Amino acid sequence: MTLFECEIDQEVKVISVEGIRKIRKRLIDMGITTNTKLKIIRKAPLGDPIEIKLRGYSLSLRMDDAKKIKVEKV
């Protein structure tokens, strides 16, 4: 499943980051790497953006970026 499909308060682990190289690099630079655990904090009413917590900090992602992050439930 993708990060965008996750529910609020769900904890997941990153399996892969997809998309073109430029987008993958930006997401990896933000700390979203394979095996990173993160938690969905909240979603905007239309699902864009979503707020996640990982590595001790919060981060907001656009819906398009969240759809490029493959995750599994922890």
C-alpha atoms as a PDB file:
ATOM      1  CA  MET A   1       0.000   0.000   0.000  1.00  0.00           C
ATOM      2  CA  THR A   2       1.062   3.617  -0.321  1.00  0.00           C
ATOM      3  CA  LEU A   3       1.507   6.160   2.448  1.00  0.00           C
ATOM      4  CA  PHE A   4      -1.498   8.061   1.083  1.00  0.00           C
ATOM      5  CA  GLU A   5      -3.765   5.027   1.682  1.00  0.00           C
ATOM      6  CA  CYS A   6      -2.897   4.804   5.393  1.00  0.00           C
ATOM      7  CA  GLU A   7      -5.258   5.833   8.167  1.00  0.00           C
ATOM      8  CA  ILE A   8      -4.647   8.505  10.815  1.00  0.00           C
ATOM      9  CA  ASP A   9      -2.629   7.209  13.831  1.00  0.00           C
ATOM     10  CA  GLN A  10      -1.425   4.214  11.810  1.00  0.00           C
ATOM     11  CA  GLU A  11       2.240   3.257  12.183  1.00  0.00           C
ATOM     12  CA  VAL A  12       3.984   1.957   9.090  1.00  0.00           C
ATOM     13  CA  LYS A  13       7.432   1.095   7.763  1.00  0.00           C
ATOM     14  CA  VAL A  14       8.752   2.370   4.428  1.00  0.00           C
ATOM     15  CA  ILE A  15       9.347  -0.389   1.875  1.00  0.00           C
ATOM     16  CA  SER A  16      10.376   1.766  -1.083  1.00  0.00           C
ATOM     17  CA  VAL A  17      10.310   5.260  -2.535  1.00  0.00           C
ATOM     18  CA  GLU A  18       9.231   5.428  -6.172  1.00  0.00           C
ATOM     19  CA  GLY A  19       9.027   8.107  -8.832  1.00  0.00           C
ATOM     20  CA  ILE A  20      11.537   9.987 -10.910  1.00  0.00           C
ATOM     21  CA  ARG A  21      15.040  10.399  -9.528  1.00  0.00           C
ATOM     22  CA  LYS A  22      14.572  14.053  -8.512  1.00  0.00           C
ATOM     23  CA  ILE A  23      11.492  13.263  -6.389  1.00  0.00           C
ATOM     24  CA  ARG A  24      13.067  10.150  -4.818  1.00  0.00           C
ATOM     25  CA  LYS A  25      16.150  12.151  -3.868  1.00  0.00           C
ATOM     26  CA  ARG A  26      14.077  14.907  -2.250  1.00  0.00           C
ATOM     27  CA  LEU A  27      12.061  12.401  -0.188  1.00  0.00           C
ATOM     28  CA  ILE A  28      15.209  10.540   0.868  1.00  0.00           C
ATOM     29  CA  ASP A  29      16.867  13.843   1.821  1.00  0.00           C
ATOM     30  CA  MET A  30      13.876  14.487   4.115  1.00  0.00           C
ATOM     31  CA  GLY A  31      14.617  11.210   5.914  1.00  0.00           C
ATOM     32  CA  ILE A  32      12.086   8.957   4.207  1.00  0.00           C
ATOM     33  CA  THR A  33      14.280   5.921   3.543  1.00  0.00           C
ATOM     34  CA  THR A  34      13.727   2.170   3.403  1.00  0.00           C
ATOM     35  CA  ASN A  35      12.843   0.612   6.787  1.00  0.00           C
ATOM     36  CA  THR A  36      12.078   4.009   8.368  1.00  0.00           C
ATOM     37  CA  LYS A  37       9.109   3.803  10.733  1.00  0.00           C
ATOM     38  CA  LEU A  38       6.625   6.639  10.623  1.00  0.00           C
ATOM     39  CA  LYS A  39       3.184   7.540  11.917  1.00  0.00           C
ATOM     40  CA  ILE A  40       0.328   9.319  10.166  1.00  0.00           C
ATOM     41  CA  ILE A  41      -0.602  12.304  12.357  1.00  0.00           C
ATOM     42  CA  ARG A  42      -3.359  13.983  10.327  1.00  0.00           C
ATOM     43  CA  LYS A  43      -4.738  14.499   6.850  1.00  0.00           C
ATOM     44  CA  ALA A  44      -6.290  17.618   5.380  1.00  0.00           C
ATOM     45  CA  PRO A  45     -10.008  17.261   4.540  1.00  0.00           C
ATOM     46  CA  LEU A  46      -9.313  16.399   0.906  1.00  0.00           C
ATOM     47  CA  GLY A  47      -6.224  14.337   1.777  1.00  0.00           C
ATOM     48  CA  ASP A  48      -3.685  16.919   0.662  1.00  0.00           C
ATOM     49  CA  PRO A  49      -1.354  17.452   2.481  1.00  0.00           C
ATOM     50  CA  ILE A  50      -0.781  14.788   5.119  1.00  0.00           C
ATOM     51  CA  GLU A  51       1.316  15.197   8.254  1.00  0.00           C
ATOM     52  CA  ILE A  52       3.617  12.391   9.367  1.00  0.00           C
ATOM     53  CA  LYS A  53       6.012  11.929  12.251  1.00  0.00           C
ATOM     54  CA  LEU A  54       9.345  10.204  11.746  1.00  0.00           C
ATOM     55  CA  ARG A  55      12.748  10.237  13.418  1.00  0.00           C
ATOM     56  CA  GLY A  56      11.466  12.616  16.113  1.00  0.00           C
ATOM     57  CA  TYR A  57      10.099  15.367  13.843  1.00  0.00           C
ATOM     58  CA  SER A  58       6.903  16.165  11.944  1.00  0.00           C
ATOM     59  CA  LEU A  59       6.748  16.554   8.189  1.00  0.00           C
ATOM     60  CA  SER A  60       3.975  17.534   5.760  1.00  0.00           C
ATOM     61  CA  LEU A  61       3.799  15.806   2.387  1.00  0.00           C
ATOM     62  CA  ARG A  62       1.758  16.495  -0.713  1.00  0.00           C
ATOM     63  CA  MET A  63      -0.669  13.819  -1.822  1.00  0.00           C
ATOM     64  CA  ASP A  64       1.354  13.142  -4.987  1.00  0.00           C
ATOM     65  CA  ASP A  65       4.508  12.513  -2.942  1.00  0.00           C
ATOM     66  CA  ALA A  66       2.673  10.300  -0.424  1.00  0.00           C
ATOM     67  CA  LYS A  67       1.449   8.120  -3.297  1.00  0.00           C
ATOM     68  CA  LYS A  68       5.074   7.404  -4.272  1.00  0.00           C
ATOM     69  CA  ILE A  69       5.994   5.939  -0.864  1.00  0.00           C
ATOM     70  CA  LYS A  70       5.253   2.217  -0.493  1.00  0.00           C
ATOM     71  CA  VAL A  71       4.723   1.112   3.116  1.00  0.00           C
ATOM     72  CA  GLU A  72       3.660  -1.863   5.224  1.00  0.00           C
ATOM     73  CA  LYS A  73       1.895  -1.967   8.585  1.00  0.00           C
ATOM     74  CA  VAL A  74       4.059  -2.336  11.683  1.00  0.00           C
END
